PDB file of N, CA and C in Angstrom:
ATOM      1  N   MET A   1     -14.603 -63.000 -12.703  1.00  0.00           N
ATOM      2  CA  MET A   1     -13.358 -62.630 -12.241  1.00  0.00           C
ATOM      3  C   MET A   1     -13.040 -60.966 -11.945  1.00  0.00           C
ATOM      4  N   GLU A   2     -12.720 -60.710 -10.852  1.00  0.00           N
ATOM      5  CA  GLU A   2     -12.518 -59.282 -10.419  1.00  0.00           C
ATOM      6  C   GLU A   2     -11.607 -58.612 -10.734  1.00  0.00           C
ATOM      7  N   ILE A   3     -11.672 -57.629 -11.429  1.00  0.00           N
ATOM      8  CA  ILE A   3     -10.310 -56.910 -11.415  1.00  0.00           C
ATOM      9  C   ILE A   3      -9.712 -56.259 -10.243  1.00  0.00           C
ATOM     10  N   ASN A   4     -10.904 -55.246  -9.744  1.00  0.00           N
ATOM     11  CA  ASN A   4     -10.587 -54.276  -8.865  1.00  0.00           C
ATOM     12  C   ASN A   4     -10.715 -54.766  -7.463  1.00  0.00           C
ATOM     13  N   ALA A   5     -10.135 -56.092  -7.180  1.00  0.00           N
ATOM     14  CA  ALA A   5     -10.278 -56.949  -5.923  1.00  0.00           C
ATOM     15  C   ALA A   5      -9.577 -56.493  -4.808  1.00  0.00           C
ATOM     16  N   GLY A   6      -8.298 -55.772  -5.382  1.00  0.00           N
ATOM     17  CA  GLY A   6      -7.348 -55.327  -4.159  1.00  0.00           C
ATOM     18  C   GLY A   6      -7.351 -53.945  -4.086  1.00  0.00           C
ATOM     19  N   ILE A   7      -8.400 -53.319  -4.862  1.00  0.00           N
ATOM     20  CA  ILE A   7      -8.494 -51.689  -4.742  1.00  0.00           C
ATOM     21  C   ILE A   7      -9.849 -51.335  -4.026  1.00  0.00           C
ATOM     22  N   PRO A   8      -9.487 -50.822  -2.809  1.00  0.00           N
ATOM     23  CA  PRO A   8     -11.007 -50.449  -2.138  1.00  0.00           C
ATOM     24  C   PRO A   8     -11.639 -49.470  -2.769  1.00  0.00           C
ATOM     25  N   ASN A   9     -13.040 -49.287  -2.504  1.00  0.00           N
ATOM     26  CA  ASN A   9     -13.869 -48.218  -3.094  1.00  0.00           C
ATOM     27  C   ASN A   9     -13.511 -46.980  -2.526  1.00  0.00           C
ATOM     28  N   SER A  10     -13.681 -46.192  -3.684  1.00  0.00           N
ATOM     29  CA  SER A  10     -13.169 -44.464  -2.893  1.00  0.00           C
ATOM     30  C   SER A  10     -14.149 -44.088  -1.862  1.00  0.00           C
ATOM     31  N   LYS A  11     -15.346 -44.714  -1.630  1.00  0.00           N
ATOM     32  CA  LYS A  11     -16.425 -44.333  -0.475  1.00  0.00           C
ATOM     33  C   LYS A  11     -15.352 -45.015   0.956  1.00  0.00           C
ATOM     34  N   ASP A  12     -15.398 -46.135   0.872  1.00  0.00           N
ATOM     35  CA  ASP A  12     -14.304 -46.794   1.891  1.00  0.00           C
ATOM     36  C   ASP A  12     -13.266 -46.067   2.368  1.00  0.00           C
ATOM     37  N   LYS A  13     -12.468 -45.215   1.409  1.00  0.00           N
ATOM     38  CA  LYS A  13     -11.128 -44.687   1.416  1.00  0.00           C
ATOM     39  C   LYS A  13     -11.325 -43.406   2.222  1.00  0.00           C
ATOM     40  N   LEU A  14     -12.705 -42.749   1.694  1.00  0.00           N
ATOM     41  CA  LEU A  14     -13.087 -41.615   2.301  1.00  0.00           C
ATOM     42  C   LEU A  14     -13.492 -41.853   3.858  1.00  0.00           C
ATOM     43  N   GLN A  15     -14.251 -42.703   4.097  1.00  0.00           N
ATOM     44  CA  GLN A  15     -14.814 -43.299   5.501  1.00  0.00           C
ATOM     45  C   GLN A  15     -13.648 -43.360   6.561  1.00  0.00           C
ATOM     46  N   VAL A  16     -12.611 -43.757   5.972  1.00  0.00           N
ATOM     47  CA  VAL A  16     -11.653 -44.095   6.814  1.00  0.00           C
ATOM     48  C   VAL A  16     -10.819 -42.997   7.058  1.00  0.00           C
ATOM     49  N   GLU A  17     -10.339 -42.270   6.278  1.00  0.00           N
ATOM     50  CA  GLU A  17      -9.255 -40.809   6.083  1.00  0.00           C
ATOM     51  C   GLU A  17     -10.172 -39.989   6.684  1.00  0.00           C
ATOM     52  N   GLY A  18     -11.225 -39.698   6.531  1.00  0.00           N
ATOM     53  CA  GLY A  18     -11.958 -38.537   7.288  1.00  0.00           C
ATOM     54  C   GLY A  18     -13.102 -38.581   8.214  1.00  0.00           C
ATOM     55  N   GLY A  19     -12.706 -39.940   8.809  1.00  0.00           N
ATOM     56  CA  GLY A  19     -13.892 -40.419  10.107  1.00  0.00           C
ATOM     57  C   GLY A  19     -13.300 -39.958  11.441  1.00  0.00           C
ATOM     58  N   LYS A  20     -12.909 -38.597  11.578  1.00  0.00           N
ATOM     59  CA  LYS A  20     -12.552 -38.054  12.956  1.00  0.00           C
ATOM     60  C   LYS A  20     -13.882 -37.971  13.713  1.00  0.00           C
ATOM     61  N   THR A  21     -13.756 -38.454  14.956  1.00  0.00           N
ATOM     62  CA  THR A  21     -14.480 -38.490  15.987  1.00  0.00           C
ATOM     63  C   THR A  21     -14.895 -37.031  16.680  1.00  0.00           C
ATOM     64  N   ASP A  22     -15.957 -37.103  17.303  1.00  0.00           N
ATOM     65  CA  ASP A  22     -16.116 -35.439  17.576  1.00  0.00           C
ATOM     66  C   ASP A  22     -15.499 -35.088  18.890  1.00  0.00           C
ATOM     67  N   ARG A  23     -14.930 -36.024  19.545  1.00  0.00           N
ATOM     68  CA  ARG A  23     -13.828 -35.707  20.255  1.00  0.00           C
ATOM     69  C   ARG A  23     -12.531 -35.484  19.830  1.00  0.00           C
ATOM     70  N   GLU A  24     -12.082 -35.999  18.789  1.00  0.00           N
ATOM     71  CA  GLU A  24     -10.800 -35.176  18.242  1.00  0.00           C
ATOM     72  C   GLU A  24     -11.182 -33.927  17.456  1.00  0.00           C
ATOM     73  N   THR A  25     -12.242 -33.494  16.846  1.00  0.00           N
ATOM     74  CA  THR A  25     -12.421 -32.672  16.581  1.00  0.00           C
ATOM     75  C   THR A  25     -12.570 -31.372  17.461  1.00  0.00           C
ATOM     76  N   LYS A  26     -13.072 -31.565  18.874  1.00  0.00           N
ATOM     77  CA  LYS A  26     -12.948 -31.052  19.916  1.00  0.00           C
ATOM     78  C   LYS A  26     -11.669 -30.516  20.176  1.00  0.00           C
ATOM     79  N   LYS A  27     -11.044 -31.499  20.229  1.00  0.00           N
ATOM     80  CA  LYS A  27      -9.446 -31.049  20.714  1.00  0.00           C
ATOM     81  C   LYS A  27      -8.665 -30.706  19.722  1.00  0.00           C
ATOM     82  N   ALA A  28      -8.744 -30.614  18.370  1.00  0.00           N
ATOM     83  CA  ALA A  28      -8.235 -29.790  17.348  1.00  0.00           C
ATOM     84  C   ALA A  28      -8.711 -28.230  17.569  1.00  0.00           C
ATOM     85  N   SER A  29      -9.927 -27.834  17.838  1.00  0.00           N
ATOM     86  CA  SER A  29     -10.651 -26.695  17.598  1.00  0.00           C
ATOM     87  C   SER A  29     -10.074 -26.036  19.264  1.00  0.00           C
ATOM     88  N   GLU A  30      -9.879 -26.940  20.238  1.00  0.00           N
ATOM     89  CA  GLU A  30      -9.319 -26.022  21.717  1.00  0.00           C
ATOM     90  C   GLU A  30      -8.004 -26.124  21.697  1.00  0.00           C
ATOM     91  N   SER A  31      -6.952 -26.719  20.876  1.00  0.00           N
ATOM     92  CA  SER A  31      -6.081 -26.548  20.847  1.00  0.00           C
ATOM     93  C   SER A  31      -5.588 -24.934  19.914  1.00  0.00           C
ATOM     94  N   VAL A  32      -6.702 -24.784  18.971  1.00  0.00           N
ATOM     95  CA  VAL A  32      -6.473 -23.998  18.100  1.00  0.00           C
ATOM     96  C   VAL A  32      -6.623 -22.475  19.004  1.00  0.00           C
ATOM     97  N   GLU A  33      -7.875 -22.388  20.161  1.00  0.00           N
ATOM     98  CA  GLU A  33      -8.231 -21.249  21.099  1.00  0.00           C
ATOM     99  C   GLU A  33      -7.365 -21.046  21.773  1.00  0.00           C
ATOM    100  N   ASN A  34      -6.482 -22.155  22.497  1.00  0.00           N
ATOM    101  CA  ASN A  34      -5.595 -21.908  23.119  1.00  0.00           C
ATOM    102  C   ASN A  34      -4.140 -21.869  22.742  1.00  0.00           C
ATOM    103  N   ALA A  35      -3.855 -21.723  21.617  1.00  0.00           N
ATOM    104  CA  ALA A  35      -2.500 -21.268  21.106  1.00  0.00           C
ATOM    105  C   ALA A  35      -2.469 -19.581  21.205  1.00  0.00           C
ATOM    106  N   PRO A  36      -1.131 -19.458  21.950  1.00  0.00           N
ATOM    107  CA  PRO A  36      -0.611 -18.202  21.794  1.00  0.00           C
ATOM    108  C   PRO A  36      -0.891 -17.090  20.790  1.00  0.00           C
ATOM    109  N   VAL A  37      -1.091 -16.097  21.160  1.00  0.00           N
ATOM    110  CA  VAL A  37      -1.530 -15.181  20.004  1.00  0.00           C
ATOM    111  C   VAL A  37      -0.209 -14.667  19.698  1.00  0.00           C
ATOM    112  N   PHE A  38       0.037 -14.656  18.344  1.00  0.00           N
ATOM    113  CA  PHE A  38       1.441 -13.632  17.867  1.00  0.00           C
ATOM    114  C   PHE A  38       1.395 -12.028  17.909  1.00  0.00           C
ATOM    115  N   ILE A  39       2.251 -11.367  18.859  1.00  0.00           N
ATOM    116  CA  ILE A  39       2.109  -9.956  18.786  1.00  0.00           C
ATOM    117  C   ILE A  39       3.781  -9.627  18.251  1.00  0.00           C
ATOM    118  N   ASN A  40       3.473  -8.845  17.394  1.00  0.00           N
ATOM    119  CA  ASN A  40       4.620  -8.168  16.572  1.00  0.00           C
ATOM    120  C   ASN A  40       5.104  -7.069  17.326  1.00  0.00           C
ATOM    121  N   HIS A  41       5.872  -7.381  18.338  1.00  0.00           N
ATOM    122  CA  HIS A  41       6.563  -6.242  18.953  1.00  0.00           C
ATOM    123  C   HIS A  41       7.269  -5.111  18.327  1.00  0.00           C
ATOM    124  N   ALA A  42       8.041  -5.434  17.424  1.00  0.00           N
ATOM    125  CA  ALA A  42       9.110  -4.600  16.399  1.00  0.00           C
ATOM    126  C   ALA A  42       7.894  -3.701  15.475  1.00  0.00           C
ATOM    127  N   ALA A  43       6.911  -4.142  15.124  1.00  0.00           N
ATOM    128  CA  ALA A  43       6.115  -3.190  14.629  1.00  0.00           C
ATOM    129  C   ALA A  43       5.188  -2.613  15.379  1.00  0.00           C
ATOM    130  N   ILE A  44       5.022  -2.666  16.509  1.00  0.00           N
ATOM    131  CA  ILE A  44       4.582  -1.805  17.522  1.00  0.00           C
ATOM    132  C   ILE A  44       5.539  -0.580  18.237  1.00  0.00           C
ATOM    133  N   ALA A  45       6.709  -1.502  18.149  1.00  0.00           N
ATOM    134  CA  ALA A  45       7.680  -0.537  18.446  1.00  0.00           C
ATOM    135  C   ALA A  45       8.243   0.911  17.632  1.00  0.00           C
ATOM    136  N   TRP A  46       7.953   0.200  15.782  1.00  0.00           N
ATOM    137  CA  TRP A  46       8.277   0.970  14.977  1.00  0.00           C
ATOM    138  C   TRP A  46       6.843   2.360  14.917  1.00  0.00           C
ATOM    139  N   GLU A  47       5.600   1.661  15.143  1.00  0.00           N
ATOM    140  CA  GLU A  47       4.898   2.857  14.921  1.00  0.00           C
ATOM    141  C   GLU A  47       5.149   3.812  15.653  1.00  0.00           C
ATOM    142  N   GLU A  48       5.314   3.649  17.185  1.00  0.00           N
ATOM    143  CA  GLU A  48       5.369   4.417  18.197  1.00  0.00           C
ATOM    144  C   GLU A  48       6.802   5.462  17.933  1.00  0.00           C
ATOM    145  N   SER A  49       7.781   4.614  17.357  1.00  0.00           N
ATOM    146  CA  SER A  49       8.927   5.636  16.967  1.00  0.00           C
ATOM    147  C   SER A  49       8.406   6.555  15.959  1.00  0.00           C
ATOM    148  N   ARG A  50       7.989   6.112  15.070  1.00  0.00           N
ATOM    149  CA  ARG A  50       7.015   6.983  13.962  1.00  0.00           C
ATOM    150  C   ARG A  50       6.326   8.174  14.239  1.00  0.00           C
ATOM    151  N   ARG A  51       5.324   7.920  15.488  1.00  0.00           N
ATOM    152  CA  ARG A  51       4.756   8.862  15.660  1.00  0.00           C
ATOM    153  C   ARG A  51       5.392   9.745  16.639  1.00  0.00           C
ATOM    154  N   LYS A  52       6.639   9.570  17.144  1.00  0.00           N
ATOM    155  CA  LYS A  52       7.202  10.659  17.832  1.00  0.00           C
ATOM    156  C   LYS A  52       7.901  11.758  16.615  1.00  0.00           C
ATOM    157  N   TRP A  53       8.003  10.835  15.811  1.00  0.00           N
ATOM    158  CA  TRP A  53       8.747  11.672  14.468  1.00  0.00           C
ATOM    159  C   TRP A  53       7.725  12.522  13.719  1.00  0.00           C
ATOM    160  N   THR A  54       6.429  11.728  13.704  1.00  0.00           N
ATOM    161  CA  THR A  54       5.671  12.816  12.512  1.00  0.00           C
ATOM    162  C   THR A  54       4.633  13.349  13.319  1.00  0.00           C
ATOM    163  N   GLY A  55       4.478  12.788  14.527  1.00  0.00           N
ATOM    164  CA  GLY A  55       3.670  13.588  15.320  1.00  0.00           C
ATOM    165  C   GLY A  55       2.102  13.350  15.248  1.00  0.00           C
ATOM    166  N   ASP A  56       1.189  13.812  15.639  1.00  0.00           N
ATOM    167  CA  ASP A  56      -0.011  12.994  15.701  1.00  0.00           C
ATOM    168  C   ASP A  56      -1.004  13.708  14.586  1.00  0.00           C
ATOM    169  N   PRO A  57      -1.184  12.955  13.348  1.00  0.00           N
ATOM    170  CA  PRO A  57      -1.958  13.774  12.675  1.00  0.00           C
ATOM    171  C   PRO A  57      -3.189  14.578  12.479  1.00  0.00           C
ATOM    172  N   SER A  58      -3.826  13.811  13.736  1.00  0.00           N
ATOM    173  CA  SER A  58      -5.131  15.030  13.975  1.00  0.00           C
ATOM    174  C   SER A  58      -4.895  16.651  14.473  1.00  0.00           C
ATOM    175  N   GLU A  59      -3.704  16.491  14.847  1.00  0.00           N
ATOM    176  CA  GLU A  59      -3.257  17.630  15.424  1.00  0.00           C
ATOM    177  C   GLU A  59      -2.592  18.852  14.448  1.00  0.00           C
ATOM    178  N   LYS A  60      -2.110  18.078  13.467  1.00  0.00           N
ATOM    179  CA  LYS A  60      -1.491  19.102  12.257  1.00  0.00           C
ATOM    180  C   LYS A  60      -2.656  19.868  11.575  1.00  0.00           C
ATOM    181  N   PRO A  61      -2.528  21.189  11.345  1.00  0.00           N
ATOM    182  CA  PRO A  61      -3.314  22.223  10.592  1.00  0.00           C
ATOM    183  C   PRO A  61      -3.425  21.476   9.171  1.00  0.00           C
ATOM    184  N   GLU A  62      -4.539  21.806   8.508  1.00  0.00           N
ATOM    185  CA  GLU A  62      -4.831  21.208   6.901  1.00  0.00           C
ATOM    186  C   GLU A  62      -4.072  22.382   6.305  1.00  0.00           C
ATOM    187  N   LYS A  63      -3.409  21.939   4.995  1.00  0.00           N
ATOM    188  CA  LYS A  63      -2.717  22.975   4.236  1.00  0.00           C
ATOM    189  C   LYS A  63      -3.945  23.565   3.459  1.00  0.00           C
ATOM    190  N   VAL A  64      -3.444  24.879   3.198  1.00  0.00           N
ATOM    191  CA  VAL A  64      -4.243  25.452   2.492  1.00  0.00           C
ATOM    192  C   VAL A  64      -3.718  25.733   1.160  1.00  0.00           C
ATOM    193  N   ALA A  65      -4.480  25.529   0.019  1.00  0.00           N
ATOM    194  CA  ALA A  65      -4.066  25.561  -1.254  1.00  0.00           C
ATOM    195  C   ALA A  65      -3.195  27.064  -1.711  1.00  0.00           C
ATOM    196  N   LYS A  66      -2.378  27.046  -2.051  1.00  0.00           N
ATOM    197  CA  LYS A  66      -1.635  28.242  -2.671  1.00  0.00           C
ATOM    198  C   LYS A  66      -2.094  28.572  -4.153  1.00  0.00           C
ATOM    199  N   ASP A  67      -1.726  29.910  -4.545  1.00  0.00           N
ATOM    200  CA  ASP A  67      -2.104  30.028  -5.551  1.00  0.00           C
ATOM    201  C   ASP A  67      -0.617  29.739  -6.271  1.00  0.00           C
ATOM    202  N   PRO A  68      -0.610  29.432  -7.551  1.00  0.00           N
ATOM    203  CA  PRO A  68       0.515  28.796  -8.122  1.00  0.00           C
ATOM    204  C   PRO A  68       1.312  30.252  -8.352  1.00  0.00           C
ATOM    205  N   ILE A  69       2.745  29.871  -8.172  1.00  0.00           N
ATOM    206  CA  ILE A  69       3.882  30.873  -8.182  1.00  0.00           C
ATOM    207  C   ILE A  69       4.273  31.048  -9.507  1.00  0.00           C
ATOM    208  N   ILE A  70       3.990  30.304 -10.641  1.00  0.00           N
ATOM    209  CA  ILE A  70       4.465  30.372 -11.808  1.00  0.00           C
ATOM    210  C   ILE A  70       3.162  30.838 -12.538  1.00  0.00           C
ATOM    211  N   SER A  71       3.141  31.968 -13.282  1.00  0.00           N
ATOM    212  CA  SER A  71       1.758  32.267 -14.023  1.00  0.00           C
ATOM    213  C   SER A  71       1.773  31.385 -14.971  1.00  0.00           C
ATOM    214  N   TRP A  72       0.302  31.238 -15.204  1.00  0.00           N
ATOM    215  CA  TRP A  72      -0.165  30.042 -16.484  1.00  0.00           C
ATOM    216  C   TRP A  72      -0.158  31.193 -17.664  1.00  0.00           C
ATOM    217  N   THR A  73       0.047  31.931 -17.556  1.00  0.00           N
ATOM    218  CA  THR A  73       0.491  32.906 -18.866  1.00  0.00           C
ATOM    219  C   THR A  73       1.813  32.946 -19.245  1.00  0.00           C
ATOM    220  N   LEU A  74       2.695  32.591 -18.347  1.00  0.00           N
ATOM    221  CA  LEU A  74       4.167  32.750 -18.355  1.00  0.00           C
ATOM    222  C   LEU A  74       4.785  31.542 -19.407  1.00  0.00           C
ATOM    223  N   ASP A  75       5.222  32.085 -20.297  1.00  0.00           N
ATOM    224  CA  ASP A  75       6.059  31.086 -21.463  1.00  0.00           C
ATOM    225  C   ASP A  75       7.385  30.511 -21.092  1.00  0.00           C
ATOM    226  N   TYR A  76       8.121  29.693 -21.558  1.00  0.00           N
ATOM    227  CA  TYR A  76       9.138  29.010 -21.409  1.00  0.00           C
ATOM    228  C   TYR A  76      10.356  30.218 -21.488  1.00  0.00           C
ATOM    229  N   ASP A  77      10.118  30.640 -22.860  1.00  0.00           N
ATOM    230  CA  ASP A  77      11.042  31.812 -23.062  1.00  0.00           C
ATOM    231  C   ASP A  77      11.010  32.838 -22.103  1.00  0.00           C
ATOM    232  N   ASP A  78       9.983  33.073 -21.521  1.00  0.00           N
ATOM    233  CA  ASP A  78       9.810  34.155 -20.626  1.00  0.00           C
ATOM    234  C   ASP A  78      10.791  33.665 -19.314  1.00  0.00           C
ATOM    235  N   LEU A  79      10.556  32.338 -19.129  1.00  0.00           N
ATOM    236  CA  LEU A  79      11.210  31.821 -18.056  1.00  0.00           C
ATOM    237  C   LEU A  79      12.796  31.857 -18.197  1.00  0.00           C
ATOM    238  N   LEU A  80      13.039  31.658 -19.063  1.00  0.00           N
ATOM    239  CA  LEU A  80      14.443  31.589 -19.311  1.00  0.00           C
ATOM    240  C   LEU A  80      15.130  33.062 -19.312  1.00  0.00           C
ATOM    241  N   SER A  81      14.222  33.899 -19.767  1.00  0.00           N
ATOM    242  CA  SER A  81      14.877  35.225 -20.491  1.00  0.00           C
ATOM    243  C   SER A  81      15.619  36.262 -19.465  1.00  0.00           C
ATOM    244  N   THR A  82      15.129  35.970 -17.839  1.00  0.00           N
ATOM    245  CA  THR A  82      15.784  36.761 -17.195  1.00  0.00           C
ATOM    246  C   THR A  82      16.472  35.835 -15.769  1.00  0.00           C
ATOM    247  N   ASN A  83      17.503  36.348 -15.581  1.00  0.00           N
ATOM    248  CA  ASN A  83      18.360  35.684 -14.233  1.00  0.00           C
ATOM    249  C   ASN A  83      17.803  35.909 -12.712  1.00  0.00           C
ATOM    250  N   GLU A  84      16.958  36.607 -12.978  1.00  0.00           N
ATOM    251  CA  GLU A  84      16.326  37.390 -11.628  1.00  0.00           C
ATOM    252  C   GLU A  84      15.741  35.983 -10.824  1.00  0.00           C
ATOM    253  N   PRO A  85      15.715  35.569  -9.646  1.00  0.00           N
ATOM    254  CA  PRO A  85      15.168  34.381  -8.909  1.00  0.00           C
ATOM    255  C   PRO A  85      13.946  35.164  -8.541  1.00  0.00           C
ATOM    256  N   PHE A  86      13.156  33.960  -8.572  1.00  0.00           N
ATOM    257  CA  PHE A  86      11.412  33.889  -8.370  1.00  0.00           C
ATOM    258  C   PHE A  86      11.553  34.379  -6.768  1.00  0.00           C
ATOM    259  N   ALA A  87      10.494  35.078  -6.481  1.00  0.00           N
ATOM    260  CA  ALA A  87       9.920  35.658  -5.072  1.00  0.00           C
ATOM    261  C   ALA A  87      10.234  34.663  -4.252  1.00  0.00           C
ATOM    262  N   GLU A  88       9.634  33.573  -4.334  1.00  0.00           N
ATOM    263  CA  GLU A  88       9.684  32.623  -3.278  1.00  0.00           C
ATOM    264  C   GLU A  88      10.002  31.015  -4.213  1.00  0.00           C
ATOM    265  N   ARG A  89      10.390  30.086  -3.534  1.00  0.00           N
ATOM    266  CA  ARG A  89      10.618  28.699  -4.236  1.00  0.00           C
ATOM    267  C   ARG A  89       9.613  28.464  -4.761  1.00  0.00           C
ATOM    268  N   ILE A  90       9.798  27.593  -5.908  1.00  0.00           N
ATOM    269  CA  ILE A  90       8.761  26.895  -6.748  1.00  0.00           C
ATOM    270  C   ILE A  90       8.487  25.467  -6.421  1.00  0.00           C
ATOM    271  N   PRO A  91       7.515  25.006  -6.060  1.00  0.00           N
ATOM    272  CA  PRO A  91       7.165  23.504  -5.553  1.00  0.00           C
ATOM    273  C   PRO A  91       7.644  22.564  -6.606  1.00  0.00           C
ATOM    274  N   LEU A  92       8.120  21.219  -6.394  1.00  0.00           N
ATOM    275  CA  LEU A  92       8.602  20.571  -7.595  1.00  0.00           C
ATOM    276  C   LEU A  92       7.398  20.251  -8.514  1.00  0.00           C
ATOM    277  N   PRO A  93       6.189  19.772  -7.735  1.00  0.00           N
ATOM    278  CA  PRO A  93       4.872  19.434  -8.720  1.00  0.00           C
ATOM    279  C   PRO A  93       4.434  20.570  -9.638  1.00  0.00           C
ATOM    280  N   GLU A  94       4.959  21.688  -9.064  1.00  0.00           N
ATOM    281  CA  GLU A  94       4.351  22.888  -9.901  1.00  0.00           C
ATOM    282  C   GLU A  94       5.250  23.309 -11.236  1.00  0.00           C
ATOM    283  N   MET A  95       6.596  23.063 -11.086  1.00  0.00           N
ATOM    284  CA  MET A  95       7.622  22.992 -11.912  1.00  0.00           C
ATOM    285  C   MET A  95       7.095  21.810 -13.132  1.00  0.00           C
ATOM    286  N   VAL A  96       7.203  20.511 -12.653  1.00  0.00           N
ATOM    287  CA  VAL A  96       6.693  19.624 -13.354  1.00  0.00           C
ATOM    288  C   VAL A  96       5.557  19.932 -14.335  1.00  0.00           C
ATOM    289  N   ASP A  97       4.494  20.205 -13.887  1.00  0.00           N
ATOM    290  CA  ASP A  97       3.215  20.715 -14.456  1.00  0.00           C
ATOM    291  C   ASP A  97       3.579  21.434 -15.581  1.00  0.00           C
ATOM    292  N   PHE A  98       4.347  22.657 -15.023  1.00  0.00           N
ATOM    293  CA  PHE A  98       4.800  23.782 -16.034  1.00  0.00           C
ATOM    294  C   PHE A  98       5.709  22.953 -17.242  1.00  0.00           C
ATOM    295  N   LEU A  99       6.578  22.325 -17.198  1.00  0.00           N
ATOM    296  CA  LEU A  99       7.203  21.706 -17.953  1.00  0.00           C
ATOM    297  C   LEU A  99       6.579  20.948 -18.904  1.00  0.00           C
ATOM    298  N   VAL A 100       5.680  19.932 -18.564  1.00  0.00           N
ATOM    299  CA  VAL A 100       5.167  18.923 -19.194  1.00  0.00           C
ATOM    300  C   VAL A 100       4.340  19.528 -19.942  1.00  0.00           C
ATOM    301  N   ASP A 101       3.372  20.790 -19.526  1.00  0.00           N
ATOM    302  CA  ASP A 101       2.544  21.762 -20.493  1.00  0.00           C
ATOM    303  C   ASP A 101       3.295  21.822 -21.585  1.00  0.00           C
ATOM    304  N   ILE A 102       4.643  22.479 -21.132  1.00  0.00           N
ATOM    305  CA  ILE A 102       5.488  23.154 -22.350  1.00  0.00           C
ATOM    306  C   ILE A 102       5.513  22.330 -23.405  1.00  0.00           C
ATOM    307  N   TRP A 103       5.993  21.011 -22.800  1.00  0.00           N
ATOM    308  CA  TRP A 103       6.597  19.658 -23.753  1.00  0.00           C
ATOM    309  C   TRP A 103       5.356  19.404 -24.821  1.00  0.00           C
ATOM    310  N   TYR A 104       4.284  19.308 -23.952  1.00  0.00           N
ATOM    311  CA  TYR A 104       3.145  19.113 -24.940  1.00  0.00           C
ATOM    312  C   TYR A 104       2.825  19.851 -25.989  1.00  0.00           C
ATOM    313  N   ASP A 105       2.831  21.119 -25.413  1.00  0.00           N
ATOM    314  CA  ASP A 105       2.564  22.511 -26.649  1.00  0.00           C
ATOM    315  C   ASP A 105       3.669  22.067 -27.786  1.00  0.00           C
ATOM    316  N   GLU A 106       4.920  22.003 -27.295  1.00  0.00           N
ATOM    317  CA  GLU A 106       6.060  21.708 -28.516  1.00  0.00           C
ATOM    318  C   GLU A 106       6.074  20.633 -29.112  1.00  0.00           C
ATOM    319  N   GLY A 107       5.152  19.495 -28.491  1.00  0.00           N
ATOM    320  CA  GLY A 107       5.110  18.165 -29.320  1.00  0.00           C
ATOM    321  C   GLY A 107       6.260  17.423 -28.877  1.00  0.00           C
ATOM    322  N   LEU A 108       6.856  17.777 -27.696  1.00  0.00           N
ATOM    323  CA  LEU A 108       8.012  17.003 -27.240  1.00  0.00           C
ATOM    324  C   LEU A 108       7.678  15.900 -26.234  1.00  0.00           C
ATOM    325  N   PHE A 109       6.467  15.976 -25.669  1.00  0.00           N
ATOM    326  CA  PHE A 109       6.148  14.902 -24.787  1.00  0.00           C
ATOM    327  C   PHE A 109       4.705  13.988 -25.282  1.00  0.00           C
ATOM    328  N   ASP A 110       5.349  12.790 -25.594  1.00  0.00           N
ATOM    329  CA  ASP A 110       4.194  11.934 -26.110  1.00  0.00           C
ATOM    330  C   ASP A 110       3.799  10.811 -24.934  1.00  0.00           C
TER     331      ASP A 110
END
C-alpha cells in the first residue's frame, strides 16, 4: 500500500514547471531587449537647471586656504573683553572649532 500515490515526485514537478522550450526562452529575452528604455526627463531638466545656477565646476578657481582670523593664542576672555568688531568676518567652522576647543579645555564638552 502506497501512501504517496497522489503526490507527484519533486523531480516530476520541476520538469513540468521549469521545462521552458528554447523558443519560449528566446521570446522572453527578445521582449526584454525590445522594451523601451526609461529616461528620467525630470532628472535631466533638474541637472540642467542646477548647472545654470552653480556653473561648471571645472571653471571655478580652487579655494586657497586662508590663515585663521582668530589667533590660536586668543583666549575666550580676550574674545569677550572687547566690543570692537573683527577686521573681517569669522567663518562659522572656524568659530565652532574655537568654541569647541575652549569647551574642551574647561571640561564643558564631553
